[in-house]
Amino acid sequence: MSTHIDLYADKGSTFSVVVNVKNKDDSPFDCSGYSARSQVRKSYNSDYGIDLTCNFLNQSEGEISISLESTDTRKMKAGRYYYDVELFTSVDGIVTRILEGQFEVNERVTSESSNPSLD
């Protein structure tokens, strides 16, 4: 069973979080031989999702960085989304969901263009 953690990102900002995959006894899970993938979607059954970038920082210690570029968060409307993170092997087809939860995008005020008048 995966761990449930809610994540928060600001619209138009770079998002990054580091997660540590653990065994049931709280020891680090060795992710050697695994790849990681993740998506965020407006609902569980949405046709469209945005891929989150997953990079192993220390594979043998189960340390993974999950991120979105500012161009991706800029495309998202403020509100609640859902995400998950899976580990998988291409050799034997094992897929394990390690993390899931809500992904909240907060609206922003500052943008790239400036407008000299405030309505």
Protein backbone atom coordinates (compact mmCIF):
# COMPACT_ATOMS: atom_id res chain seq x y z
CA MET A 1 0.00 0.00 0.00
CA SER A 2 1.28 3.43 -0.87
CA THR A 3 1.87 6.35 1.46
CA HIS A 4 -0.62 9.24 1.26
CA ILE A 5 0.93 12.73 1.26
CA ASP A 6 -0.75 15.90 0.01
CA LEU A 7 1.49 18.23 -2.01
CA TYR A 8 1.21 21.97 -2.70
CA ALA A 9 2.58 24.02 -5.61
CA ASP A 10 2.32 27.66 -6.56
CA LYS A 11 1.06 28.38 -10.10
CA GLY A 12 3.94 29.54 -12.30
CA SER A 13 6.63 28.35 -9.86
CA THR A 14 9.03 25.46 -10.04
CA PHE A 15 7.87 22.62 -7.79
CA SER A 16 10.22 20.08 -6.23
CA VAL A 17 10.03 17.64 -3.33
CA VAL A 18 12.33 14.84 -2.17
CA VAL A 19 10.77 11.61 -0.92
CA ASN A 20 12.44 8.72 0.85
CA VAL A 21 10.98 5.30 0.06
CA LYS A 22 10.89 3.09 3.16
CA ASN A 23 10.33 -0.57 3.94
CA LYS A 24 7.68 -1.58 6.49
CA ASP A 25 10.36 -1.57 9.21
CA ASP A 26 11.19 2.08 8.31
CA SER A 27 14.55 1.18 6.74
CA PRO A 28 15.40 2.69 3.33
CA PHE A 29 14.01 0.76 0.34
CA ASP A 30 16.70 -0.14 -2.19
CA CYS A 31 15.34 1.14 -5.53
CA SER A 32 18.20 -0.33 -7.56
CA GLY A 33 16.84 -1.85 -10.76
CA TYR A 34 13.67 0.28 -10.63
CA SER A 35 12.56 3.28 -12.65
CA ALA A 36 10.07 5.85 -11.34
CA ARG A 37 7.13 7.61 -12.99
CA SER A 38 4.48 10.01 -11.81
CA GLN A 39 1.54 12.00 -13.13
CA VAL A 40 -0.82 14.66 -11.84
CA ARG A 41 -4.42 14.79 -13.12
CA LYS A 42 -7.53 16.85 -12.39
CA SER A 43 -9.40 13.66 -11.47
CA TYR A 44 -8.54 9.98 -11.32
CA ASN A 45 -10.22 9.29 -14.65
CA SER A 46 -9.06 12.40 -16.57
CA ASP A 47 -7.81 11.70 -20.08
CA TYR A 48 -5.01 14.25 -19.74
CA GLY A 49 -2.22 14.23 -17.18
CA ILE A 50 1.03 16.10 -16.67
CA ASP A 51 4.13 13.99 -16.11
CA LEU A 52 6.11 14.87 -13.01
CA THR A 53 9.87 14.41 -13.38
CA CYS A 54 11.25 11.66 -11.14
CA ASN A 55 15.01 11.44 -10.54
CA PHE A 56 16.78 9.14 -8.13
CA LEU A 57 19.13 11.11 -5.89
CA ASN A 58 20.34 7.96 -4.11
CA GLN A 59 18.81 4.82 -5.57
CA SER A 60 20.16 2.39 -2.95
CA GLU A 61 18.76 4.60 -0.16
CA GLY A 62 15.36 5.12 -1.85
CA GLU A 63 15.77 8.89 -2.27
CA ILE A 64 13.73 10.33 -5.18
CA SER A 65 13.25 13.92 -6.36
CA ILE A 66 9.83 14.71 -7.86
CA SER A 67 9.46 17.98 -9.75
CA LEU A 68 7.50 20.14 -12.19
CA GLU A 69 8.90 23.05 -14.18
CA SER A 70 7.32 26.49 -13.86
CA THR A 71 6.01 26.16 -17.43
CA ASP A 72 3.97 23.14 -16.29
CA THR A 73 2.50 24.74 -13.16
CA ARG A 74 1.70 27.85 -15.21
CA LYS A 75 -0.58 25.73 -17.46
CA MET A 76 -2.54 24.39 -14.50
CA LYS A 77 -5.62 26.13 -13.16
CA ALA A 78 -5.56 26.80 -9.44
CA GLY A 79 -7.31 24.04 -7.55
CA ARG A 80 -7.13 20.43 -6.47
CA TYR A 81 -5.57 17.66 -8.53
CA TYR A 82 -4.48 14.09 -7.78
CA TYR A 83 -1.10 12.45 -8.26
CA ASP A 84 0.72 9.21 -7.66
CA VAL A 85 4.28 7.90 -7.94
CA GLU A 86 5.10 4.40 -9.13
CA LEU A 87 8.25 2.31 -9.18
CA PHE A 88 8.50 -0.21 -12.00
CA THR A 89 10.88 -2.67 -13.59
CA SER A 90 11.04 -3.27 -17.30
CA VAL A 91 12.56 -6.74 -16.85
CA ASP A 92 9.80 -8.51 -14.89
CA GLY A 93 6.99 -5.93 -15.14
CA ILE A 94 6.65 -5.27 -11.41
CA VAL A 95 4.77 -2.03 -10.68
CA THR A 96 4.47 -0.64 -7.14
CA ARG A 97 2.65 2.57 -6.23
CA ILE A 98 4.72 4.17 -3.46
CA LEU A 99 3.05 7.56 -3.02
CA GLU A 100 -0.30 9.18 -3.75
CA GLY A 101 -2.42 12.10 -2.67
CA GLN A 102 -3.89 15.43 -3.57
CA PHE A 103 -1.85 18.02 -5.45
CA GLU A 104 -3.06 21.54 -4.67
CA VAL A 105 -2.11 24.39 -7.02
CA ASN A 106 -2.31 27.86 -5.47
CA GLU A 107 -3.17 30.89 -7.62
CA ARG A 108 -0.58 33.60 -8.12
CA VAL A 109 -0.64 37.38 -8.39
CA THR A 110 2.68 38.18 -10.08
CA SER A 111 3.03 37.37 -13.76
CA GLU A 112 5.60 37.88 -16.52
CA SER A 113 3.81 40.89 -17.99
CA SER A 114 3.21 44.09 -16.13
CA ASN A 115 0.12 46.22 -16.42
CA PRO A 116 0.52 49.86 -15.36
CA SER A 117 -3.10 50.17 -14.23
CA LEU A 118 -4.87 48.30 -11.47
CA ASP A 119 -8.55 47.83 -12.26
